[in-house]
Amino acid sequence: MKKKQSTKKEIKPITAEEFDRKFEAGESIMEHVDLDTAVFRVNVDFPAWTVSELDRESTRLGVSRQSLIKIWITERLDQIAQLRKKAI
């Protein structure tokens, strides 16, 4: 049986200092970044009542507000993925 070829690009390792230098100089750093494992920061504005409810629930569960939001969004995306699989 043939081994399936990986389509994942090879990441070229460099030091943090070199990465920072390239980034600050406006050079491309994409050959050094794995977007499958990258973390992206997203700002979301919520009404005050939503934040209060998030805080209440996160306290009840013993997790941070950020963790609760991540958990809930991940759960919802998993549900959507399952629904898509059923529709196929």
PDB file of N, CA and C in Angstrom:
ATOM      1  N   MET A   1       0.837  -1.172   0.000  1.00  0.00           N
ATOM      2  CA  MET A   1       0.000   0.000   0.000  1.00  0.00           C
ATOM      3  C   MET A   1       0.892   1.249   0.000  1.00  0.00           C
ATOM      4  N   LYS A   2       0.552   2.224  -0.852  1.00  0.00           N
ATOM      5  CA  LYS A   2       1.335   3.451  -0.939  1.00  0.00           C
ATOM      6  C   LYS A   2       1.085   4.337   0.268  1.00  0.00           C
ATOM      7  N   LYS A   3       2.147   4.985   0.708  1.00  0.00           N
ATOM      8  CA  LYS A   3       2.039   5.932   1.805  1.00  0.00           C
ATOM      9  C   LYS A   3       1.502   7.251   1.258  1.00  0.00           C
ATOM     10  N   LYS A   4       0.484   7.786   1.931  1.00  0.00           N
ATOM     11  CA  LYS A   4      -0.107   9.045   1.496  1.00  0.00           C
ATOM     12  C   LYS A   4       0.885  10.178   1.706  1.00  0.00           C
ATOM     13  N   GLN A   5       1.048  10.991   0.676  1.00  0.00           N
ATOM     14  CA  GLN A   5       1.964  12.114   0.764  1.00  0.00           C
ATOM     15  C   GLN A   5       1.345  13.222   1.595  1.00  0.00           C
ATOM     16  N   SER A   6       2.132  13.794   2.466  1.00  0.00           N
ATOM     17  CA  SER A   6       1.671  14.887   3.305  1.00  0.00           C
ATOM     18  C   SER A   6       1.600  16.169   2.488  1.00  0.00           C
ATOM     19  N   THR A   7       0.522  16.925   2.683  1.00  0.00           N
ATOM     20  CA  THR A   7       0.388  18.205   1.994  1.00  0.00           C
ATOM     21  C   THR A   7       0.807  19.349   2.905  1.00  0.00           C
ATOM     22  N   LYS A   8       1.204  19.010   4.126  1.00  0.00           N
ATOM     23  CA  LYS A   8       1.617  20.025   5.087  1.00  0.00           C
ATOM     24  C   LYS A   8       2.968  20.592   4.684  1.00  0.00           C
ATOM     25  N   LYS A   9       3.077  21.926   4.693  1.00  0.00           N
ATOM     26  CA  LYS A   9       4.342  22.541   4.322  1.00  0.00           C
ATOM     27  C   LYS A   9       5.362  22.359   5.439  1.00  0.00           C
ATOM     28  N   GLU A  10       6.608  22.343   5.048  1.00  0.00           N
ATOM     29  CA  GLU A  10       7.678  22.207   6.036  1.00  0.00           C
ATOM     30  C   GLU A  10       8.001  23.583   6.606  1.00  0.00           C
ATOM     31  N   ILE A  11       8.016  23.657   7.937  1.00  0.00           N
ATOM     32  CA  ILE A  11       8.322  24.914   8.615  1.00  0.00           C
ATOM     33  C   ILE A  11       9.830  25.025   8.767  1.00  0.00           C
ATOM     34  N   LYS A  12      10.365  26.176   8.356  1.00  0.00           N
ATOM     35  CA  LYS A  12      11.801  26.396   8.466  1.00  0.00           C
ATOM     36  C   LYS A  12      12.114  27.029   9.821  1.00  0.00           C
ATOM     37  N   PRO A  13      12.825  26.314  10.698  1.00  0.00           N
ATOM     38  CA  PRO A  13      13.098  26.857  12.030  1.00  0.00           C
ATOM     39  C   PRO A  13      14.117  27.997  11.999  1.00  0.00           C
ATOM     40  N   ILE A  14      13.857  28.999  12.846  1.00  0.00           N
ATOM     41  CA  ILE A  14      14.791  30.106  13.055  1.00  0.00           C
ATOM     42  C   ILE A  14      14.711  30.490  14.533  1.00  0.00           C
ATOM     43  N   THR A  15      15.644  31.299  14.980  1.00  0.00           N
ATOM     44  CA  THR A  15      15.633  31.745  16.372  1.00  0.00           C
ATOM     45  C   THR A  15      14.539  32.800  16.562  1.00  0.00           C
ATOM     46  N   ALA A  16      14.136  32.997  17.816  1.00  0.00           N
ATOM     47  CA  ALA A  16      13.136  34.016  18.131  1.00  0.00           C
ATOM     48  C   ALA A  16      13.648  35.400  17.746  1.00  0.00           C
ATOM     49  N   GLU A  17      14.933  35.620  17.944  1.00  0.00           N
ATOM     50  CA  GLU A  17      15.517  36.922  17.606  1.00  0.00           C
ATOM     51  C   GLU A  17      15.444  37.179  16.103  1.00  0.00           C
ATOM     52  N   GLU A  18      15.752  36.152  15.315  1.00  0.00           N
ATOM     53  CA  GLU A  18      15.690  36.290  13.849  1.00  0.00           C
ATOM     54  C   GLU A  18      14.245  36.496  13.396  1.00  0.00           C
ATOM     55  N   PHE A  19      13.304  35.765  14.019  1.00  0.00           N
ATOM     56  CA  PHE A  19      11.889  35.913  13.702  1.00  0.00           C
ATOM     57  C   PHE A  19      11.443  37.347  13.974  1.00  0.00           C
ATOM     58  N   ASP A  20      11.793  37.861  15.161  1.00  0.00           N
ATOM     59  CA  ASP A  20      11.435  39.233  15.523  1.00  0.00           C
ATOM     60  C   ASP A  20      12.049  40.248  14.568  1.00  0.00           C
ATOM     61  N   ARG A  21      13.313  40.040  14.215  1.00  0.00           N
ATOM     62  CA  ARG A  21      13.987  40.964  13.307  1.00  0.00           C
ATOM     63  C   ARG A  21      13.268  41.010  11.965  1.00  0.00           C
ATOM     64  N   LYS A  22      12.952  39.819  11.413  1.00  0.00           N
ATOM     65  CA  LYS A  22      12.257  39.751  10.121  1.00  0.00           C
ATOM     66  C   LYS A  22      10.892  40.432  10.205  1.00  0.00           C
ATOM     67  N   PHE A  23      10.150  40.125  11.280  1.00  0.00           N
ATOM     68  CA  PHE A  23       8.814  40.698  11.447  1.00  0.00           C
ATOM     69  C   PHE A  23       8.890  42.220  11.518  1.00  0.00           C
ATOM     70  N   GLU A  24       9.779  42.739  12.352  1.00  0.00           N
ATOM     71  CA  GLU A  24       9.906  44.184  12.538  1.00  0.00           C
ATOM     72  C   GLU A  24      10.417  44.882  11.283  1.00  0.00           C
ATOM     73  N   ALA A  25      11.162  44.158  10.451  1.00  0.00           N
ATOM     74  CA  ALA A  25      11.663  44.730   9.202  1.00  0.00           C
ATOM     75  C   ALA A  25      10.619  44.638   8.082  1.00  0.00           C
ATOM     76  N   GLY A  26       9.481  44.016   8.383  1.00  0.00           N
ATOM     77  CA  GLY A  26       8.427  43.895   7.376  1.00  0.00           C
ATOM     78  C   GLY A  26       8.664  42.771   6.390  1.00  0.00           C
ATOM     79  N   GLU A  27       9.611  41.880   6.693  1.00  0.00           N
ATOM     80  CA  GLU A  27       9.883  40.736   5.822  1.00  0.00           C
ATOM     81  C   GLU A  27       8.836  39.647   6.054  1.00  0.00           C
ATOM     82  N   SER A  28       8.675  38.782   5.088  1.00  0.00           N
ATOM     83  CA  SER A  28       7.734  37.673   5.220  1.00  0.00           C
ATOM     84  C   SER A  28       8.241  36.676   6.259  1.00  0.00           C
ATOM     85  N   ILE A  29       7.339  36.267   7.145  1.00  0.00           N
ATOM     86  CA  ILE A  29       7.666  35.260   8.150  1.00  0.00           C
ATOM     87  C   ILE A  29       6.837  33.992   7.935  1.00  0.00           C
ATOM     88  N   MET A  30       6.073  33.955   6.857  1.00  0.00           N
ATOM     89  CA  MET A  30       5.131  32.865   6.637  1.00  0.00           C
ATOM     90  C   MET A  30       5.798  31.492   6.498  1.00  0.00           C
ATOM     91  N   GLU A  31       7.029  31.433   6.023  1.00  0.00           N
ATOM     92  CA  GLU A  31       7.715  30.147   5.901  1.00  0.00           C
ATOM     93  C   GLU A  31       8.126  29.597   7.268  1.00  0.00           C
ATOM     94  N   HIS A  32       7.965  30.415   8.305  1.00  0.00           N
ATOM     95  CA  HIS A  32       8.347  30.013   9.658  1.00  0.00           C
ATOM     96  C   HIS A  32       7.139  29.839  10.576  1.00  0.00           C
ATOM     97  N   VAL A  33       5.924  29.922  10.017  1.00  0.00           N
ATOM     98  CA  VAL A  33       4.698  29.874  10.822  1.00  0.00           C
ATOM     99  C   VAL A  33       3.841  28.693  10.390  1.00  0.00           C
ATOM    100  N   ASP A  34       3.363  27.927  11.377  1.00  0.00           N
ATOM    101  CA  ASP A  34       2.422  26.840  11.122  1.00  0.00           C
ATOM    102  C   ASP A  34       1.033  27.352  11.469  1.00  0.00           C
ATOM    103  N   LEU A  35       0.243  27.710  10.466  1.00  0.00           N
ATOM    104  CA  LEU A  35      -1.064  28.299  10.711  1.00  0.00           C
ATOM    105  C   LEU A  35      -2.057  27.310  11.318  1.00  0.00           C
ATOM    106  N   ASP A  36      -1.761  26.008  11.222  1.00  0.00           N
ATOM    107  CA  ASP A  36      -2.646  25.012  11.833  1.00  0.00           C
ATOM    108  C   ASP A  36      -2.568  25.049  13.353  1.00  0.00           C
ATOM    109  N   THR A  37      -1.455  25.511  13.895  1.00  0.00           N
ATOM    110  CA  THR A  37      -1.305  25.554  15.354  1.00  0.00           C
ATOM    111  C   THR A  37      -1.154  26.981  15.875  1.00  0.00           C
ATOM    112  N   ALA A  38      -1.266  27.949  14.991  1.00  0.00           N
ATOM    113  CA  ALA A  38      -1.114  29.342  15.401  1.00  0.00           C
ATOM    114  C   ALA A  38      -2.283  29.778  16.281  1.00  0.00           C
ATOM    115  N   VAL A  39      -2.041  30.722  17.138  1.00  0.00           N
ATOM    116  CA  VAL A  39      -3.071  31.292  17.998  1.00  0.00           C
ATOM    117  C   VAL A  39      -3.334  32.712  17.514  1.00  0.00           C
ATOM    118  N   PHE A  40      -4.592  33.027  17.327  1.00  0.00           N
ATOM    119  CA  PHE A  40      -4.979  34.355  16.876  1.00  0.00           C
ATOM    120  C   PHE A  40      -5.758  35.054  17.981  1.00  0.00           C
ATOM    121  N   ARG A  41      -5.458  36.295  18.224  1.00  0.00           N
ATOM    122  CA  ARG A  41      -6.166  37.089  19.221  1.00  0.00           C
ATOM    123  C   ARG A  41      -7.358  37.748  18.529  1.00  0.00           C
ATOM    124  N   VAL A  42      -8.530  37.639  19.164  1.00  0.00           N
ATOM    125  CA  VAL A  42      -9.755  38.205  18.613  1.00  0.00           C
ATOM    126  C   VAL A  42     -10.431  39.036  19.695  1.00  0.00           C
ATOM    127  N   ASN A  43     -10.773  40.236  19.363  1.00  0.00           N
ATOM    128  CA  ASN A  43     -11.512  41.087  20.304  1.00  0.00           C
ATOM    129  C   ASN A  43     -12.989  41.046  19.947  1.00  0.00           C
ATOM    130  N   VAL A  44     -13.825  40.839  20.946  1.00  0.00           N
ATOM    131  CA  VAL A  44     -15.267  40.786  20.748  1.00  0.00           C
ATOM    132  C   VAL A  44     -15.922  41.704  21.771  1.00  0.00           C
ATOM    133  N   ASP A  45     -16.837  42.546  21.310  1.00  0.00           N
ATOM    134  CA  ASP A  45     -17.578  43.424  22.214  1.00  0.00           C
ATOM    135  C   ASP A  45     -18.891  42.752  22.592  1.00  0.00           C
ATOM    136  N   PHE A  46     -19.165  42.679  23.910  1.00  0.00           N
ATOM    137  CA  PHE A  46     -20.401  42.119  24.423  1.00  0.00           C
ATOM    138  C   PHE A  46     -21.121  43.180  25.245  1.00  0.00           C
ATOM    139  N   PRO A  47     -22.458  43.125  25.293  1.00  0.00           N
ATOM    140  CA  PRO A  47     -23.179  44.007  26.209  1.00  0.00           C
ATOM    141  C   PRO A  47     -22.839  43.648  27.652  1.00  0.00           C
ATOM    142  N   ALA A  48     -23.005  44.599  28.561  1.00  0.00           N
ATOM    143  CA  ALA A  48     -22.655  44.389  29.964  1.00  0.00           C
ATOM    144  C   ALA A  48     -23.375  43.189  30.564  1.00  0.00           C
ATOM    145  N   TRP A  49     -24.659  42.995  30.215  1.00  0.00           N
ATOM    146  CA  TRP A  49     -25.401  41.878  30.799  1.00  0.00           C
ATOM    147  C   TRP A  49     -24.801  40.534  30.373  1.00  0.00           C
ATOM    148  N   THR A  50     -24.270  40.463  29.149  1.00  0.00           N
ATOM    149  CA  THR A  50     -23.667  39.225  28.668  1.00  0.00           C
ATOM    150  C   THR A  50     -22.399  38.917  29.461  1.00  0.00           C
ATOM    151  N   VAL A  51     -21.588  39.928  29.684  1.00  0.00           N
ATOM    152  CA  VAL A  51     -20.357  39.737  30.457  1.00  0.00           C
ATOM    153  C   VAL A  51     -20.701  39.298  31.880  1.00  0.00           C
ATOM    154  N   SER A  52     -21.727  39.905  32.462  1.00  0.00           N
ATOM    155  CA  SER A  52     -22.146  39.513  33.813  1.00  0.00           C
ATOM    156  C   SER A  52     -22.563  38.051  33.858  1.00  0.00           C
ATOM    157  N   GLU A  53     -23.328  37.623  32.860  1.00  0.00           N
ATOM    158  CA  GLU A  53     -23.766  36.221  32.816  1.00  0.00           C
ATOM    159  C   GLU A  53     -22.595  35.279  32.559  1.00  0.00           C
ATOM    160  N   LEU A  54     -21.684  35.690  31.701  1.00  0.00           N
ATOM    161  CA  LEU A  54     -20.473  34.887  31.473  1.00  0.00           C
ATOM    162  C   LEU A  54     -19.671  34.748  32.757  1.00  0.00           C
ATOM    163  N   ASP A  55     -19.527  35.845  33.485  1.00  0.00           N
ATOM    164  CA  ASP A  55     -18.789  35.808  34.745  1.00  0.00           C
ATOM    165  C   ASP A  55     -19.475  34.912  35.769  1.00  0.00           C
ATOM    166  N   ARG A  56     -20.790  34.992  35.843  1.00  0.00           N
ATOM    167  CA  ARG A  56     -21.542  34.156  36.781  1.00  0.00           C
ATOM    168  C   ARG A  56     -21.331  32.676  36.458  1.00  0.00           C
ATOM    169  N   GLU A  57     -21.442  32.329  35.183  1.00  0.00           N
ATOM    170  CA  GLU A  57     -21.292  30.925  34.779  1.00  0.00           C
ATOM    171  C   GLU A  57     -19.842  30.452  34.921  1.00  0.00           C
ATOM    172  N   SER A  58     -18.881  31.308  34.584  1.00  0.00           N
ATOM    173  CA  SER A  58     -17.477  30.906  34.712  1.00  0.00           C
ATOM    174  C   SER A  58     -17.108  30.698  36.179  1.00  0.00           C
ATOM    175  N   THR A  59     -17.662  31.528  37.072  1.00  0.00           N
ATOM    176  CA  THR A  59     -17.427  31.343  38.507  1.00  0.00           C
ATOM    177  C   THR A  59     -18.045  30.034  38.980  1.00  0.00           C
ATOM    178  N   ARG A  60     -19.257  29.758  38.537  1.00  0.00           N
ATOM    179  CA  ARG A  60     -19.933  28.520  38.919  1.00  0.00           C
ATOM    180  C   ARG A  60     -19.135  27.291  38.506  1.00  0.00           C
ATOM    181  N   LEU A  61     -18.551  27.358  37.290  1.00  0.00           N
ATOM    182  CA  LEU A  61     -17.787  26.219  36.769  1.00  0.00           C
ATOM    183  C   LEU A  61     -16.332  26.214  37.233  1.00  0.00           C
ATOM    184  N   GLY A  62     -15.876  27.322  37.799  1.00  0.00           N
ATOM    185  CA  GLY A  62     -14.497  27.400  38.271  1.00  0.00           C
ATOM    186  C   GLY A  62     -13.471  27.554  37.165  1.00  0.00           C
ATOM    187  N   VAL A  63     -13.867  28.252  36.102  1.00  0.00           N
ATOM    188  CA  VAL A  63     -12.947  28.519  34.986  1.00  0.00           C
ATOM    189  C   VAL A  63     -12.960  30.020  34.710  1.00  0.00           C
ATOM    190  N   SER A  64     -11.996  30.483  33.952  1.00  0.00           N
ATOM    191  CA  SER A  64     -11.955  31.901  33.596  1.00  0.00           C
ATOM    192  C   SER A  64     -13.017  32.210  32.539  1.00  0.00           C
ATOM    193  N   ARG A  65     -13.344  33.480  32.418  1.00  0.00           N
ATOM    194  CA  ARG A  65     -14.286  33.916  31.378  1.00  0.00           C
ATOM    195  C   ARG A  65     -13.771  33.513  29.993  1.00  0.00           C
ATOM    196  N   GLN A  66     -12.484  33.732  29.758  1.00  0.00           N
ATOM    197  CA  GLN A  66     -11.898  33.395  28.464  1.00  0.00           C
ATOM    198  C   GLN A  66     -12.020  31.898  28.183  1.00  0.00           C
ATOM    199  N   SER A  67     -11.745  31.076  29.192  1.00  0.00           N
ATOM    200  CA  SER A  67     -11.852  29.628  29.004  1.00  0.00           C
ATOM    201  C   SER A  67     -13.282  29.226  28.675  1.00  0.00           C
ATOM    202  N   LEU A  68     -14.243  29.811  29.380  1.00  0.00           N
ATOM    203  CA  LEU A  68     -15.644  29.495  29.127  1.00  0.00           C
ATOM    204  C   LEU A  68     -16.035  29.841  27.696  1.00  0.00           C
ATOM    205  N   ILE A  69     -15.631  31.015  27.234  1.00  0.00           N
ATOM    206  CA  ILE A  69     -15.940  31.421  25.859  1.00  0.00           C
ATOM    207  C   ILE A  69     -15.308  30.455  24.866  1.00  0.00           C
ATOM    208  N   LYS A  70     -14.046  30.070  25.086  1.00  0.00           N
ATOM    209  CA  LYS A  70     -13.375  29.122  24.195  1.00  0.00           C
ATOM    210  C   LYS A  70     -14.100  27.783  24.180  1.00  0.00           C
ATOM    211  N   ILE A  71     -14.472  27.308  25.366  1.00  0.00           N
ATOM    212  CA  ILE A  71     -15.171  26.015  25.473  1.00  0.00           C
ATOM    213  C   ILE A  71     -16.486  26.066  24.706  1.00  0.00           C
ATOM    214  N   TRP A  72     -17.282  27.094  24.956  1.00  0.00           N
ATOM    215  CA  TRP A  72     -18.586  27.177  24.322  1.00  0.00           C
ATOM    216  C   TRP A  72     -18.491  27.331  22.807  1.00  0.00           C
ATOM    217  N   ILE A  73     -17.568  28.138  22.344  1.00  0.00           N
ATOM    218  CA  ILE A  73     -17.423  28.306  20.893  1.00  0.00           C
ATOM    219  C   ILE A  73     -16.953  27.003  20.251  1.00  0.00           C
ATOM    220  N   THR A  74     -16.004  26.329  20.888  1.00  0.00           N
ATOM    221  CA  THR A  74     -15.517  25.051  20.363  1.00  0.00           C
ATOM    222  C   THR A  74     -16.637  24.015  20.327  1.00  0.00           C
ATOM    223  N   GLU A  75     -17.433  23.941  21.397  1.00  0.00           N
ATOM    224  CA  GLU A  75     -18.554  23.006  21.423  1.00  0.00           C
ATOM    225  C   GLU A  75     -19.530  23.293  20.284  1.00  0.00           C
ATOM    226  N   ARG A  76     -19.833  24.552  20.071  1.00  0.00           N
ATOM    227  CA  ARG A  76     -20.776  24.923  19.012  1.00  0.00           C
ATOM    228  C   ARG A  76     -20.223  24.594  17.630  1.00  0.00           C
ATOM    229  N   LEU A  77     -18.942  24.866  17.411  1.00  0.00           N
ATOM    230  CA  LEU A  77     -18.336  24.537  16.119  1.00  0.00           C
ATOM    231  C   LEU A  77     -18.306  23.031  15.889  1.00  0.00           C
ATOM    232  N   ASP A  78     -18.088  22.255  16.959  1.00  0.00           N
ATOM    233  CA  ASP A  78     -18.141  20.798  16.852  1.00  0.00           C
ATOM    234  C   ASP A  78     -19.549  20.332  16.462  1.00  0.00           C
ATOM    235  N   GLN A  79     -20.573  20.951  17.061  1.00  0.00           N
ATOM    236  CA  GLN A  79     -21.954  20.614  16.713  1.00  0.00           C
ATOM    237  C   GLN A  79     -22.235  20.905  15.240  1.00  0.00           C
ATOM    238  N   ILE A  80     -21.783  22.043  14.775  1.00  0.00           N
ATOM    239  CA  ILE A  80     -21.985  22.413  13.370  1.00  0.00           C
ATOM    240  C   ILE A  80     -21.285  21.413  12.454  1.00  0.00           C
ATOM    241  N   ALA A  81     -20.064  21.021  12.823  1.00  0.00           N
ATOM    242  CA  ALA A  81     -19.322  20.051  12.006  1.00  0.00           C
ATOM    243  C   ALA A  81     -20.062  18.717  11.943  1.00  0.00           C
ATOM    244  N   GLN A  82     -20.631  18.283  13.061  1.00  0.00           N
ATOM    245  CA  GLN A  82     -21.389  17.031  13.091  1.00  0.00           C
ATOM    246  C   GLN A  82     -22.642  17.125  12.210  1.00  0.00           C
ATOM    247  N   LEU A  83     -23.307  18.258  12.266  1.00  0.00           N
ATOM    248  CA  LEU A  83     -24.499  18.457  11.426  1.00  0.00           C
ATOM    249  C   LEU A  83     -24.136  18.432   9.944  1.00  0.00           C
ATOM    250  N   ARG A  84     -22.989  19.011   9.608  1.00  0.00           N
ATOM    251  CA  ARG A  84     -22.555  19.009   8.210  1.00  0.00           C
ATOM    252  C   ARG A  84     -22.266  17.587   7.727  1.00  0.00           C
ATOM    253  N   LYS A  85     -21.646  16.784   8.607  1.00  0.00           N
ATOM    254  CA  LYS A  85     -21.336  15.395   8.251  1.00  0.00           C
ATOM    255  C   LYS A  85     -22.613  14.607   7.997  1.00  0.00           C
ATOM    256  N   LYS A  86     -23.638  14.848   8.812  1.00  0.00           N
ATOM    257  CA  LYS A  86     -24.921  14.151   8.649  1.00  0.00           C
ATOM    258  C   LYS A  86     -25.616  14.555   7.372  1.00  0.00           C
ATOM    259  N   ALA A  87     -25.422  15.810   6.950  1.00  0.00           N
ATOM    260  CA  ALA A  87     -26.082  16.327   5.758  1.00  0.00           C
ATOM    261  C   ALA A  87     -25.479  15.776   4.474  1.00  0.00           C
ATOM    262  N   ILE A  88     -24.273  15.256   4.566  1.00  0.00           N
ATOM    263  CA  ILE A  88     -23.593  14.756   3.349  1.00  0.00           C
ATOM    264  C   ILE A  88     -24.082  13.384   2.991  1.00  0.00           C
TER     265      ILE A  88
END
